Amino acid sequence: MLMQLTFDLTTRLPKAKLIFKIPTWMDVSDVARGVGFAAKVEVSTALNDALAPLQTEEEEDYDQRLYDALWLAHHYQSLDPRSSFTFTFDFLRDDKLAGKYVETSLRLRVEERNRVLLLGLSQDF
């Protein structure tokens, strides 16, 4: 009996495995509890980068900015409890090279998802 061979030329790629998981949200619940939040709170990496100190600043400057942003978010949420809202966060950076303070203004958004409060820049959502 004769048998004809057939070729299967369809490409079969293995499923891609996620090697590195890049976190887009960072847990800051410990700091947020000190402000008054009871739920888990996470900030976006973009916001974290925006609050990060410049080379001429101290690490404590970042801690204070994060605390202030969380405090404002908690304040606005206690005034008008909603599942999402936006607000403007202004702070000063000490630019020691220029010898002056530079004002920075960020538009932040708070959103509740699956019992987690997310705080980030408006474009992070």
PDB file of N, CA and C in Angstrom:
ATOM      1  N   MET A   1       0.832  -1.169   0.000  1.00  0.00           N
ATOM      2  CA  MET A   1       0.000   0.000   0.000  1.00  0.00           C
ATOM      3  C   MET A   1       0.882   1.240   0.000  1.00  0.00           C
ATOM      4  N   LEU A   2       0.548   2.156  -0.870  1.00  0.00           N
ATOM      5  CA  LEU A   2       1.302   3.391  -0.994  1.00  0.00           C
ATOM      6  C   LEU A   2       0.696   4.467  -0.092  1.00  0.00           C
ATOM      7  N   MET A   3       1.589   5.279   0.472  1.00  0.00           N
ATOM      8  CA  MET A   3       1.122   6.352   1.363  1.00  0.00           C
ATOM      9  C   MET A   3       1.790   7.652   0.940  1.00  0.00           C
ATOM     10  N   GLN A   4       1.017   8.698   0.835  1.00  0.00           N
ATOM     11  CA  GLN A   4       1.557   9.996   0.435  1.00  0.00           C
ATOM     12  C   GLN A   4       1.844  10.820   1.687  1.00  0.00           C
ATOM     13  N   LEU A   5       3.017  11.407   1.727  1.00  0.00           N
ATOM     14  CA  LEU A   5       3.387  12.261   2.855  1.00  0.00           C
ATOM     15  C   LEU A   5       2.835  13.666   2.642  1.00  0.00           C
ATOM     16  N   THR A   6       2.348  14.245   3.694  1.00  0.00           N
ATOM     17  CA  THR A   6       1.868  15.624   3.629  1.00  0.00           C
ATOM     18  C   THR A   6       2.666  16.469   4.612  1.00  0.00           C
ATOM     19  N   PHE A   7       2.883  17.701   4.245  1.00  0.00           N
ATOM     20  CA  PHE A   7       3.626  18.612   5.114  1.00  0.00           C
ATOM     21  C   PHE A   7       2.678  19.619   5.742  1.00  0.00           C
ATOM     22  N   ASP A   8       2.842  19.786   7.023  1.00  0.00           N
ATOM     23  CA  ASP A   8       2.071  20.795   7.749  1.00  0.00           C
ATOM     24  C   ASP A   8       2.975  22.017   7.894  1.00  0.00           C
ATOM     25  N   LEU A   9       2.730  23.053   7.115  1.00  0.00           N
ATOM     26  CA  LEU A   9       3.591  24.227   7.095  1.00  0.00           C
ATOM     27  C   LEU A   9       3.068  25.373   7.964  1.00  0.00           C
ATOM     28  N   THR A  10       2.100  25.114   8.792  1.00  0.00           N
ATOM     29  CA  THR A  10       1.611  26.178   9.673  1.00  0.00           C
ATOM     30  C   THR A  10       2.635  26.399  10.777  1.00  0.00           C
ATOM     31  N   THR A  11       2.826  27.654  11.108  1.00  0.00           N
ATOM     32  CA  THR A  11       3.809  27.966  12.151  1.00  0.00           C
ATOM     33  C   THR A  11       3.177  27.796  13.519  1.00  0.00           C
ATOM     34  N   ARG A  12       3.911  27.163  14.342  1.00  0.00           N
ATOM     35  CA  ARG A  12       3.458  26.961  15.721  1.00  0.00           C
ATOM     36  C   ARG A  12       4.524  27.525  16.645  1.00  0.00           C
ATOM     37  N   LEU A  13       4.253  28.715  17.125  1.00  0.00           N
ATOM     38  CA  LEU A  13       5.194  29.354  18.028  1.00  0.00           C
ATOM     39  C   LEU A  13       4.835  29.001  19.459  1.00  0.00           C
ATOM     40  N   PRO A  14       5.828  28.752  20.255  1.00  0.00           N
ATOM     41  CA  PRO A  14       5.518  28.484  21.666  1.00  0.00           C
ATOM     42  C   PRO A  14       4.966  29.751  22.317  1.00  0.00           C
ATOM     43  N   LYS A  15       4.125  29.566  23.302  1.00  0.00           N
ATOM     44  CA  LYS A  15       3.573  30.716  24.014  1.00  0.00           C
ATOM     45  C   LYS A  15       4.696  31.451  24.731  1.00  0.00           C
ATOM     46  N   ALA A  16       4.648  32.741  24.588  1.00  0.00           N
ATOM     47  CA  ALA A  16       5.685  33.558  25.221  1.00  0.00           C
ATOM     48  C   ALA A  16       5.484  33.549  26.729  1.00  0.00           C
ATOM     49  N   LYS A  17       6.574  33.355  27.418  1.00  0.00           N
ATOM     50  CA  LYS A  17       6.522  33.377  28.874  1.00  0.00           C
ATOM     51  C   LYS A  17       7.022  34.726  29.353  1.00  0.00           C
ATOM     52  N   LEU A  18       6.360  35.229  30.343  1.00  0.00           N
ATOM     53  CA  LEU A  18       6.750  36.508  30.916  1.00  0.00           C
ATOM     54  C   LEU A  18       7.949  36.269  31.834  1.00  0.00           C
ATOM     55  N   ILE A  19       9.094  36.746  31.398  1.00  0.00           N
ATOM     56  CA  ILE A  19      10.305  36.520  32.176  1.00  0.00           C
ATOM     57  C   ILE A  19      10.410  37.541  33.301  1.00  0.00           C
ATOM     58  N   PHE A  20      10.216  38.809  32.954  1.00  0.00           N
ATOM     59  CA  PHE A  20      10.293  39.866  33.941  1.00  0.00           C
ATOM     60  C   PHE A  20       8.929  40.514  34.075  1.00  0.00           C
ATOM     61  N   LYS A  21       8.487  40.668  35.290  1.00  0.00           N
ATOM     62  CA  LYS A  21       7.239  41.386  35.528  1.00  0.00           C
ATOM     63  C   LYS A  21       7.612  42.798  35.962  1.00  0.00           C
ATOM     64  N   ILE A  22       7.252  43.761  35.126  1.00  0.00           N
ATOM     65  CA  ILE A  22       7.574  45.154  35.432  1.00  0.00           C
ATOM     66  C   ILE A  22       6.418  45.731  36.233  1.00  0.00           C
ATOM     67  N   PRO A  23       6.665  46.072  37.475  1.00  0.00           N
ATOM     68  CA  PRO A  23       5.569  46.609  38.281  1.00  0.00           C
ATOM     69  C   PRO A  23       5.220  48.024  37.843  1.00  0.00           C
ATOM     70  N   THR A  24       3.939  48.262  37.673  1.00  0.00           N
ATOM     71  CA  THR A  24       3.510  49.613  37.328  1.00  0.00           C
ATOM     72  C   THR A  24       2.945  50.328  38.545  1.00  0.00           C
ATOM     73  N   TRP A  25       2.732  49.590  39.615  1.00  0.00           N
ATOM     74  CA  TRP A  25       2.216  50.171  40.848  1.00  0.00           C
ATOM     75  C   TRP A  25       3.063  49.684  42.019  1.00  0.00           C
ATOM     76  N   MET A  26       3.326  50.585  42.946  1.00  0.00           N
ATOM     77  CA  MET A  26       4.135  50.258  44.120  1.00  0.00           C
ATOM     78  C   MET A  26       3.278  50.388  45.373  1.00  0.00           C
ATOM     79  N   ASP A  27       3.400  49.425  46.259  1.00  0.00           N
ATOM     80  CA  ASP A  27       2.630  49.414  47.501  1.00  0.00           C
ATOM     81  C   ASP A  27       3.232  50.413  48.487  1.00  0.00           C
ATOM     82  N   VAL A  28       2.414  51.377  48.936  1.00  0.00           N
ATOM     83  CA  VAL A  28       2.840  52.368  49.931  1.00  0.00           C
ATOM     84  C   VAL A  28       1.871  52.372  51.110  1.00  0.00           C
ATOM     85  N   SER A  29       1.290  51.220  51.382  1.00  0.00           N
ATOM     86  CA  SER A  29       0.261  51.121  52.418  1.00  0.00           C
ATOM     87  C   SER A  29       0.779  51.510  53.795  1.00  0.00           C
ATOM     88  N   ASP A  30       2.048  51.224  54.090  1.00  0.00           N
ATOM     89  CA  ASP A  30       2.588  51.569  55.414  1.00  0.00           C
ATOM     90  C   ASP A  30       2.573  53.069  55.644  1.00  0.00           C
ATOM     91  N   VAL A  31       2.980  53.827  54.642  1.00  0.00           N
ATOM     92  CA  VAL A  31       2.961  55.290  54.758  1.00  0.00           C
ATOM     93  C   VAL A  31       1.516  55.782  54.773  1.00  0.00           C
ATOM     94  N   ALA A  32       0.673  55.171  53.940  1.00  0.00           N
ATOM     95  CA  ALA A  32      -0.722  55.609  53.810  1.00  0.00           C
ATOM     96  C   ALA A  32      -1.509  55.388  55.102  1.00  0.00           C
ATOM     97  N   ARG A  33      -1.169  54.351  55.858  1.00  0.00           N
ATOM     98  CA  ARG A  33      -1.860  54.131  57.136  1.00  0.00           C
ATOM     99  C   ARG A  33      -1.602  55.279  58.098  1.00  0.00           C
ATOM    100  N   GLY A  34      -0.391  55.831  58.051  1.00  0.00           N
ATOM    101  CA  GLY A  34      -0.052  56.970  58.905  1.00  0.00           C
ATOM    102  C   GLY A  34      -0.842  58.218  58.554  1.00  0.00           C
ATOM    103  N   VAL A  35      -1.318  58.290  57.334  1.00  0.00           N
ATOM    104  CA  VAL A  35      -2.116  59.423  56.884  1.00  0.00           C
ATOM    105  C   VAL A  35      -3.582  59.225  57.249  1.00  0.00           C
ATOM    106  N   GLY A  36      -4.022  57.962  57.329  1.00  0.00           N
ATOM    107  CA  GLY A  36      -5.414  57.684  57.673  1.00  0.00           C
ATOM    108  C   GLY A  36      -6.107  56.684  56.779  1.00  0.00           C
ATOM    109  N   PHE A  37      -5.448  56.203  55.733  1.00  0.00           N
ATOM    110  CA  PHE A  37      -6.056  55.200  54.855  1.00  0.00           C
ATOM    111  C   PHE A  37      -6.109  53.849  55.568  1.00  0.00           C
ATOM    112  N   ALA A  38      -7.233  53.161  55.441  1.00  0.00           N
ATOM    113  CA  ALA A  38      -7.361  51.821  56.011  1.00  0.00           C
ATOM    114  C   ALA A  38      -7.122  50.752  54.951  1.00  0.00           C
ATOM    115  N   ALA A  39      -7.401  51.070  53.695  1.00  0.00           N
ATOM    116  CA  ALA A  39      -7.257  50.111  52.601  1.00  0.00           C
ATOM    117  C   ALA A  39      -5.817  50.099  52.092  1.00  0.00           C
ATOM    118  N   LYS A  40      -5.512  49.119  51.257  1.00  0.00           N
ATOM    119  CA  LYS A  40      -4.208  49.041  50.605  1.00  0.00           C
ATOM    120  C   LYS A  40      -4.099  50.193  49.600  1.00  0.00           C
ATOM    121  N   VAL A  41      -2.949  50.863  49.578  1.00  0.00           N
ATOM    122  CA  VAL A  41      -2.734  52.011  48.690  1.00  0.00           C
ATOM    123  C   VAL A  41      -1.482  51.749  47.864  1.00  0.00           C
ATOM    124  N   GLU A  42      -1.589  52.008  46.552  1.00  0.00           N
ATOM    125  CA  GLU A  42      -0.462  51.859  45.650  1.00  0.00           C
ATOM    126  C   GLU A  42      -0.305  53.128  44.815  1.00  0.00           C
ATOM    127  N   VAL A  43       0.942  53.484  44.524  1.00  0.00           N
ATOM    128  CA  VAL A  43       1.220  54.631  43.656  1.00  0.00           C
ATOM    129  C   VAL A  43       1.861  54.128  42.367  1.00  0.00           C
ATOM    130  N   SER A  44       1.643  54.855  41.287  1.00  0.00           N
ATOM    131  CA  SER A  44       2.207  54.461  40.000  1.00  0.00           C
ATOM    132  C   SER A  44       3.705  54.733  39.994  1.00  0.00           C
ATOM    133  N   THR A  45       4.416  53.985  39.163  1.00  0.00           N
ATOM    134  CA  THR A  45       5.857  54.211  39.056  1.00  0.00           C
ATOM    135  C   THR A  45       6.144  55.583  38.438  1.00  0.00           C
ATOM    136  N   ALA A  46       5.251  56.066  37.577  1.00  0.00           N
ATOM    137  CA  ALA A  46       5.433  57.396  36.992  1.00  0.00           C
ATOM    138  C   ALA A  46       5.346  58.479  38.073  1.00  0.00           C
ATOM    139  N   LEU A  47       4.393  58.334  38.978  1.00  0.00           N
ATOM    140  CA  LEU A  47       4.289  59.287  40.087  1.00  0.00           C
ATOM    141  C   LEU A  47       5.501  59.160  40.995  1.00  0.00           C
ATOM    142  N   ASN A  48       5.901  57.945  41.273  1.00  0.00           N
ATOM    143  CA  ASN A  48       7.076  57.716  42.106  1.00  0.00           C
ATOM    144  C   ASN A  48       8.300  58.408  41.503  1.00  0.00           C
ATOM    145  N   ASP A  49       8.458  58.294  40.181  1.00  0.00           N
ATOM    146  CA  ASP A  49       9.583  58.946  39.502  1.00  0.00           C
ATOM    147  C   ASP A  49       9.461  60.464  39.554  1.00  0.00           C
ATOM    148  N   ALA A  50       8.242  60.981  39.440  1.00  0.00           N
ATOM    149  CA  ALA A  50       8.034  62.434  39.473  1.00  0.00           C
ATOM    150  C   ALA A  50       8.335  63.018  40.851  1.00  0.00           C
ATOM    151  N   LEU A  51       8.139  62.216  41.891  1.00  0.00           N
ATOM    152  CA  LEU A  51       8.402  62.682  43.255  1.00  0.00           C
ATOM    153  C   LEU A  51       9.843  62.451  43.686  1.00  0.00           C
ATOM    154  N   ALA A  52      10.574  61.649  42.931  1.00  0.00           N
ATOM    155  CA  ALA A  52      11.945  61.281  43.295  1.00  0.00           C
ATOM    156  C   ALA A  52      12.824  62.522  43.405  1.00  0.00           C
ATOM    157  N   PRO A  53      13.783  62.485  44.337  1.00  0.00           N
ATOM    158  CA  PRO A  53      14.641  63.658  44.514  1.00  0.00           C
ATOM    159  C   PRO A  53      15.626  63.834  43.359  1.00  0.00           C
ATOM    160  N   LEU A  54      15.943  65.084  43.082  1.00  0.00           N
ATOM    161  CA  LEU A  54      16.991  65.393  42.124  1.00  0.00           C
ATOM    162  C   LEU A  54      18.345  65.059  42.753  1.00  0.00           C
ATOM    163  N   GLN A  55      19.387  65.103  41.975  1.00  0.00           N
ATOM    164  CA  GLN A  55      20.714  64.787  42.508  1.00  0.00           C
ATOM    165  C   GLN A  55      21.138  65.741  43.610  1.00  0.00           C
ATOM    166  N   THR A  56      20.617  66.945  43.566  1.00  0.00           N
ATOM    167  CA  THR A  56      20.994  67.947  44.563  1.00  0.00           C
ATOM    168  C   THR A  56      20.092  67.920  45.792  1.00  0.00           C
ATOM    169  N   GLU A  57      19.088  67.043  45.801  1.00  0.00           N
ATOM    170  CA  GLU A  57      18.144  66.988  46.923  1.00  0.00           C
ATOM    171  C   GLU A  57      18.444  65.799  47.832  1.00  0.00           C
ATOM    172  N   GLU A  58      17.832  65.827  48.990  1.00  0.00           N
ATOM    173  CA  GLU A  58      17.978  64.754  49.972  1.00  0.00           C
ATOM    174  C   GLU A  58      16.888  63.711  49.773  1.00  0.00           C
ATOM    175  N   GLU A  59      17.123  62.491  50.252  1.00  0.00           N
ATOM    176  CA  GLU A  59      16.141  61.411  50.161  1.00  0.00           C
ATOM    177  C   GLU A  59      14.881  61.744  50.965  1.00  0.00           C
ATOM    178  N   GLU A  60      15.024  62.516  52.018  1.00  0.00           N
ATOM    179  CA  GLU A  60      13.875  62.902  52.845  1.00  0.00           C
ATOM    180  C   GLU A  60      12.881  63.761  52.074  1.00  0.00           C
ATOM    181  N   ASP A  61      13.359  64.449  51.052  1.00  0.00           N
ATOM    182  CA  ASP A  61      12.465  65.269  50.228  1.00  0.00           C
ATOM    183  C   ASP A  61      11.432  64.390  49.531  1.00  0.00           C
ATOM    184  N   TYR A  62      11.864  63.232  49.038  1.00  0.00           N
ATOM    185  CA  TYR A  62      10.933  62.279  48.411  1.00  0.00           C
ATOM    186  C   TYR A  62       9.901  61.795  49.429  1.00  0.00           C
ATOM    187  N   ASP A  63      10.367  61.417  50.625  1.00  0.00           N
ATOM    188  CA  ASP A  63       9.459  60.925  51.661  1.00  0.00           C
ATOM    189  C   ASP A  63       8.399  61.963  52.007  1.00  0.00           C
ATOM    190  N   GLN A  64       8.821  63.222  52.113  1.00  0.00           N
ATOM    191  CA  GLN A  64       7.879  64.286  52.444  1.00  0.00           C
ATOM    192  C   GLN A  64       6.880  64.512  51.323  1.00  0.00           C
ATOM    193  N   ARG A  65       7.330  64.474  50.074  1.00  0.00           N
ATOM    194  CA  ARG A  65       6.414  64.653  48.939  1.00  0.00           C
ATOM    195  C   ARG A  65       5.399  63.530  48.863  1.00  0.00           C
ATOM    196  N   LEU A  66       5.844  62.300  49.061  1.00  0.00           N
ATOM    197  CA  LEU A  66       4.928  61.161  49.044  1.00  0.00           C
ATOM    198  C   LEU A  66       3.902  61.297  50.164  1.00  0.00           C
ATOM    199  N   TYR A  67       4.353  61.650  51.356  1.00  0.00           N
ATOM    200  CA  TYR A  67       3.448  61.842  52.488  1.00  0.00           C
ATOM    201  C   TYR A  67       2.434  62.944  52.176  1.00  0.00           C
ATOM    202  N   ASP A  68       2.900  64.056  51.627  1.00  0.00           N
ATOM    203  CA  ASP A  68       2.003  65.176  51.307  1.00  0.00           C
ATOM    204  C   ASP A  68       0.968  64.791  50.249  1.00  0.00           C
ATOM    205  N   ALA A  69       1.392  64.057  49.212  1.00  0.00           N
ATOM    206  CA  ALA A  69       0.454  63.630  48.166  1.00  0.00           C
ATOM    207  C   ALA A  69      -0.594  62.686  48.745  1.00  0.00           C
ATOM    208  N   LEU A  70      -0.176  61.764  49.599  1.00  0.00           N
ATOM    209  CA  LEU A  70      -1.125  60.845  50.239  1.00  0.00           C
ATOM    210  C   LEU A  70      -2.056  61.595  51.184  1.00  0.00           C
ATOM    211  N   TRP A  71      -1.508  62.562  51.916  1.00  0.00           N
ATOM    212  CA  TRP A  71      -2.335  63.333  52.839  1.00  0.00           C
ATOM    213  C   TRP A  71      -3.419  64.091  52.080  1.00  0.00           C
ATOM    214  N   LEU A  72      -3.044  64.734  50.964  1.00  0.00           N
ATOM    215  CA  LEU A  72      -4.028  65.460  50.161  1.00  0.00           C
ATOM    216  C   LEU A  72      -5.088  64.520  49.586  1.00  0.00           C
ATOM    217  N   ALA A  73      -4.665  63.355  49.114  1.00  0.00           N
ATOM    218  CA  ALA A  73      -5.616  62.379  48.573  1.00  0.00           C
ATOM    219  C   ALA A  73      -6.606  61.953  49.651  1.00  0.00           C
ATOM    220  N   HIS A  74      -6.105  61.691  50.859  1.00  0.00           N
ATOM    221  CA  HIS A  74      -6.994  61.306  51.960  1.00  0.00           C
ATOM    222  C   HIS A  74      -7.910  62.459  52.344  1.00  0.00           C
ATOM    223  N   HIS A  75      -7.379  63.663  52.351  1.00  0.00           N
ATOM    224  CA  HIS A  75      -8.184  64.850  52.692  1.00  0.00           C
ATOM    225  C   HIS A  75      -9.346  65.022  51.713  1.00  0.00           C
ATOM    226  N   TYR A  76      -9.042  64.969  50.404  1.00  0.00           N
ATOM    227  CA  TYR A  76     -10.098  65.132  49.401  1.00  0.00           C
ATOM    228  C   TYR A  76     -11.110  63.986  49.455  1.00  0.00           C
ATOM    229  N   GLN A  77     -10.631  62.792  49.730  1.00  0.00           N
ATOM    230  CA  GLN A  77     -11.552  61.654  49.810  1.00  0.00           C
ATOM    231  C   GLN A  77     -12.454  61.767  51.033  1.00  0.00           C
ATOM    232  N   SER A  78     -11.921  62.301  52.144  1.00  0.00           N
ATOM    233  CA  SER A  78     -12.786  62.448  53.323  1.00  0.00           C
ATOM    234  C   SER A  78     -13.814  63.554  53.156  1.00  0.00           C
ATOM    235  N   LEU A  79     -13.481  64.571  52.355  1.00  0.00           N
ATOM    236  CA  LEU A  79     -14.453  65.634  52.101  1.00  0.00           C
ATOM    237  C   LEU A  79     -15.588  65.156  51.204  1.00  0.00           C
ATOM    238  N   ASP A  80     -15.251  64.358  50.211  1.00  0.00           N
ATOM    239  CA  ASP A  80     -16.249  63.882  49.252  1.00  0.00           C
ATOM    240  C   ASP A  80     -15.890  62.458  48.825  1.00  0.00           C
ATOM    241  N   PRO A  81     -16.377  61.452  49.588  1.00  0.00           N
ATOM    242  CA  PRO A  81     -15.986  60.070  49.277  1.00  0.00           C
ATOM    243  C   PRO A  81     -16.551  59.603  47.936  1.00  0.00           C
ATOM    244  N   ARG A  82     -15.659  59.396  46.993  1.00  0.00           N
ATOM    245  CA  ARG A  82     -16.019  58.891  45.664  1.00  0.00           C
ATOM    246  C   ARG A  82     -15.026  57.797  45.289  1.00  0.00           C
ATOM    247  N   SER A  83     -15.386  57.011  44.280  1.00  0.00           N
ATOM    248  CA  SER A  83     -14.484  55.929  43.867  1.00  0.00           C
ATOM    249  C   SER A  83     -13.313  56.443  43.032  1.00  0.00           C
ATOM    250  N   SER A  84     -13.454  57.636  42.443  1.00  0.00           N
ATOM    251  CA  SER A  84     -12.316  58.226  41.731  1.00  0.00           C
ATOM    252  C   SER A  84     -12.465  59.740  41.693  1.00  0.00           C
ATOM    253  N   PHE A  85     -11.333  60.418  41.726  1.00  0.00           N
ATOM    254  CA  PHE A  85     -11.311  61.879  41.630  1.00  0.00           C
ATOM    255  C   PHE A  85      -9.903  62.312  41.258  1.00  0.00           C
ATOM    256  N   THR A  86      -9.775  63.559  40.839  1.00  0.00           N
ATOM    257  CA  THR A  86      -8.476  64.127  40.485  1.00  0.00           C
ATOM    258  C   THR A  86      -8.234  65.386  41.299  1.00  0.00           C
ATOM    259  N   PHE A  87      -6.966  65.695  41.484  1.00  0.00           N
ATOM    260  CA  PHE A  87      -6.595  66.922  42.182  1.00  0.00           C
ATOM    261  C   PHE A  87      -5.191  67.320  41.734  1.00  0.00           C
ATOM    262  N   THR A  88      -4.839  68.563  42.020  1.00  0.00           N
ATOM    263  CA  THR A  88      -3.518  69.074  41.663  1.00  0.00           C
ATOM    264  C   THR A  88      -2.624  69.074  42.892  1.00  0.00           C
ATOM    265  N   PHE A  89      -1.422  68.563  42.709  1.00  0.00           N
ATOM    266  CA  PHE A  89      -0.436  68.508  43.786  1.00  0.00           C
ATOM    267  C   PHE A  89       0.751  69.381  43.390  1.00  0.00           C
ATOM    268  N   ASP A  90       0.971  70.447  44.156  1.00  0.00           N
ATOM    269  CA  ASP A  90       2.072  71.377  43.897  1.00  0.00           C
ATOM    270  C   ASP A  90       3.125  71.232  44.988  1.00  0.00           C
ATOM    271  N   PHE A  91       4.380  71.268  44.592  1.00  0.00           N
ATOM    272  CA  PHE A  91       5.464  71.237  45.573  1.00  0.00           C
ATOM    273  C   PHE A  91       6.673  71.968  45.006  1.00  0.00           C
ATOM    274  N   LEU A  92       7.599  72.326  45.888  1.00  0.00           N
ATOM    275  CA  LEU A  92       8.806  73.047  45.501  1.00  0.00           C
ATOM    276  C   LEU A  92       9.998  72.096  45.497  1.00  0.00           C
ATOM    277  N   ARG A  93      10.850  72.251  44.502  1.00  0.00           N
ATOM    278  CA  ARG A  93      12.115  71.515  44.438  1.00  0.00           C
ATOM    279  C   ARG A  93      13.244  72.515  44.691  1.00  0.00           C
ATOM    280  N   ASP A  94      14.188  72.121  45.506  1.00  0.00           N
ATOM    281  CA  ASP A  94      15.331  72.971  45.807  1.00  0.00           C
ATOM    282  C   ASP A  94      16.407  72.729  44.763  1.00  0.00           C
ATOM    283  N   ASP A  95      16.495  73.639  43.793  1.00  0.00           N
ATOM    284  CA  ASP A  95      17.507  73.535  42.750  1.00  0.00           C
ATOM    285  C   ASP A  95      18.737  74.300  43.229  1.00  0.00           C
ATOM    286  N   LYS A  96      19.650  73.573  43.862  1.00  0.00           N
ATOM    287  CA  LYS A  96      20.824  74.216  44.464  1.00  0.00           C
ATOM    288  C   LYS A  96      21.800  74.717  43.414  1.00  0.00           C
ATOM    289  N   LEU A  97      21.779  74.119  42.235  1.00  0.00           N
ATOM    290  CA  LEU A  97      22.671  74.597  41.170  1.00  0.00           C
ATOM    291  C   LEU A  97      22.249  75.977  40.684  1.00  0.00           C
ATOM    292  N   ALA A  98      20.920  76.198  40.573  1.00  0.00           N
ATOM    293  CA  ALA A  98      20.423  77.504  40.141  1.00  0.00           C
ATOM    294  C   ALA A  98      20.257  78.450  41.326  1.00  0.00           C
ATOM    295  N   GLY A  99      20.299  77.899  42.547  1.00  0.00           N
ATOM    296  CA  GLY A  99      20.175  78.732  43.733  1.00  0.00           C
ATOM    297  C   GLY A  99      18.766  79.236  43.994  1.00  0.00           C
ATOM    298  N   LYS A 100      17.762  78.464  43.566  1.00  0.00           N
ATOM    299  CA  LYS A 100      16.381  78.881  43.783  1.00  0.00           C
ATOM    300  C   LYS A 100      15.473  77.659  43.882  1.00  0.00           C
ATOM    301  N   TYR A 101      14.243  77.909  44.296  1.00  0.00           N
ATOM    302  CA  TYR A 101      13.229  76.859  44.354  1.00  0.00           C
ATOM    303  C   TYR A 101      12.426  76.870  43.056  1.00  0.00           C
ATOM    304  N   VAL A 102      12.134  75.680  42.562  1.00  0.00           N
ATOM    305  CA  VAL A 102      11.356  75.531  41.338  1.00  0.00           C
ATOM    306  C   VAL A 102      10.038  74.863  41.698  1.00  0.00           C
ATOM    307  N   GLU A 103       8.929  75.478  41.288  1.00  0.00           N
ATOM    308  CA  GLU A 103       7.615  74.913  41.592  1.00  0.00           C
ATOM    309  C   GLU A 103       7.254  73.835  40.575  1.00  0.00           C
ATOM    310  N   THR A 104       6.788  72.711  41.083  1.00  0.00           N
ATOM    311  CA  THR A 104       6.341  71.602  40.243  1.00  0.00           C
ATOM    312  C   THR A 104       4.876  71.347  40.528  1.00  0.00           C
ATOM    313  N   SER A 105       4.094  71.158  39.487  1.00  0.00           N
ATOM    314  CA  SER A 105       2.659  70.927  39.621  1.00  0.00           C
ATOM    315  C   SER A 105       2.301  69.624  38.898  1.00  0.00           C
ATOM    316  N   LEU A 106       1.662  68.709  39.617  1.00  0.00           N
ATOM    317  CA  LEU A 106       1.257  67.420  39.055  1.00  0.00           C
ATOM    318  C   LEU A 106      -0.253  67.259  39.172  1.00  0.00           C
ATOM    319  N   ARG A 107      -0.866  66.739  38.132  1.00  0.00           N
ATOM    320  CA  ARG A 107      -2.298  66.422  38.168  1.00  0.00           C
ATOM    321  C   ARG A 107      -2.409  64.948  38.532  1.00  0.00           C
ATOM    322  N   LEU A 108      -2.950  64.673  39.735  1.00  0.00           N
ATOM    323  CA  LEU A 108      -3.031  63.316  40.258  1.00  0.00           C
ATOM    324  C   LEU A 108      -4.459  62.797  40.213  1.00  0.00           C
ATOM    325  N   ARG A 109      -4.572  61.492  40.130  1.00  0.00           N
ATOM    326  CA  ARG A 109      -5.877  60.828  40.119  1.00  0.00           C
ATOM    327  C   ARG A 109      -5.859  59.726  41.160  1.00  0.00           C
ATOM    328  N   VAL A 110      -6.967  59.608  41.864  1.00  0.00           N
ATOM    329  CA  VAL A 110      -7.168  58.520  42.825  1.00  0.00           C
ATOM    330  C   VAL A 110      -8.320  57.680  42.307  1.00  0.00           C
ATOM    331  N   GLU A 111      -8.108  56.374  42.294  1.00  0.00           N
ATOM    332  CA  GLU A 111      -9.149  55.466  41.814  1.00  0.00           C
ATOM    333  C   GLU A 111      -9.135  54.200  42.662  1.00  0.00           C
ATOM    334  N   GLU A 112     -10.337  53.737  42.994  1.00  0.00           N
ATOM    335  CA  GLU A 112     -10.441  52.510  43.779  1.00  0.00           C
ATOM    336  C   GLU A 112     -10.761  51.346  42.846  1.00  0.00           C
ATOM    337  N   ARG A 113      -9.917  50.299  42.907  1.00  0.00           N
ATOM    338  CA  ARG A 113     -10.128  49.093  42.106  1.00  0.00           C
ATOM    339  C   ARG A 113      -9.889  47.875  42.986  1.00  0.00           C
ATOM    340  N   ASN A 114     -10.885  47.028  43.083  1.00  0.00           N
ATOM    341  CA  ASN A 114     -10.770  45.786  43.846  1.00  0.00           C
ATOM    342  C   ASN A 114     -10.229  46.007  45.253  1.00  0.00           C
ATOM    343  N   ARG A 115     -10.793  46.948  45.938  1.00  0.00           N
ATOM    344  CA  ARG A 115     -10.437  47.297  47.312  1.00  0.00           C
ATOM    345  C   ARG A 115      -9.007  47.794  47.481  1.00  0.00           C
ATOM    346  N   VAL A 116      -8.420  48.267  46.386  1.00  0.00           N
ATOM    347  CA  VAL A 116      -7.087  48.877  46.421  1.00  0.00           C
ATOM    348  C   VAL A 116      -7.217  50.293  45.900  1.00  0.00           C
ATOM    349  N   LEU A 117      -6.658  51.250  46.625  1.00  0.00           N
ATOM    350  CA  LEU A 117      -6.675  52.643  46.195  1.00  0.00           C
ATOM    351  C   LEU A 117      -5.422  52.908  45.379  1.00  0.00           C
ATOM    352  N   LEU A 118      -5.598  53.375  44.157  1.00  0.00           N
ATOM    353  CA  LEU A 118      -4.488  53.674  43.267  1.00  0.00           C
ATOM    354  C   LEU A 118      -4.309  55.176  43.160  1.00  0.00           C
ATOM    355  N   LEU A 119      -3.106  55.644  43.354  1.00  0.00           N
ATOM    356  CA  LEU A 119      -2.775  57.062  43.241  1.00  0.00           C
ATOM    357  C   LEU A 119      -1.692  57.204  42.181  1.00  0.00           C
ATOM    358  N   GLY A 120      -1.976  57.999  41.159  1.00  0.00           N
ATOM    359  CA  GLY A 120      -0.999  58.168  40.089  1.00  0.00           C
ATOM    360  C   GLY A 120      -1.264  59.421  39.283  1.00  0.00           C
ATOM    361  N   LEU A 121      -0.413  59.639  38.307  1.00  0.00           N
ATOM    362  CA  LEU A 121      -0.621  60.743  37.386  1.00  0.00           C
ATOM    363  C   LEU A 121      -1.866  60.459  36.562  1.00  0.00           C
ATOM    364  N   SER A 122      -2.510  61.489  36.058  1.00  0.00           N
ATOM    365  CA  SER A 122      -3.760  61.303  35.292  1.00  0.00           C
ATOM    366  C   SER A 122      -3.578  60.353  34.123  1.00  0.00           C
ATOM    367  N   GLN A 123      -2.438  60.404  33.441  1.00  0.00           N
ATOM    368  CA  GLN A 123      -2.228  59.562  32.270  1.00  0.00           C
ATOM    369  C   GLN A 123      -1.925  58.108  32.624  1.00  0.00           C
ATOM    370  N   ASP A 124      -1.772  57.780  33.895  1.00  0.00           N
ATOM    371  CA  ASP A 124      -1.494  56.393  34.316  1.00  0.00           C
ATOM    372  C   ASP A 124      -2.735  55.516  34.280  1.00  0.00           C
ATOM    373  N   PHE A 125      -3.899  56.113  34.140  1.00  0.00           N
ATOM    374  CA  PHE A 125      -5.142  55.329  34.207  1.00  0.00           C
ATOM    375  C   PHE A 125      -5.736  55.094  32.850  1.00  0.00           C
TER     376      PHE A 125
END
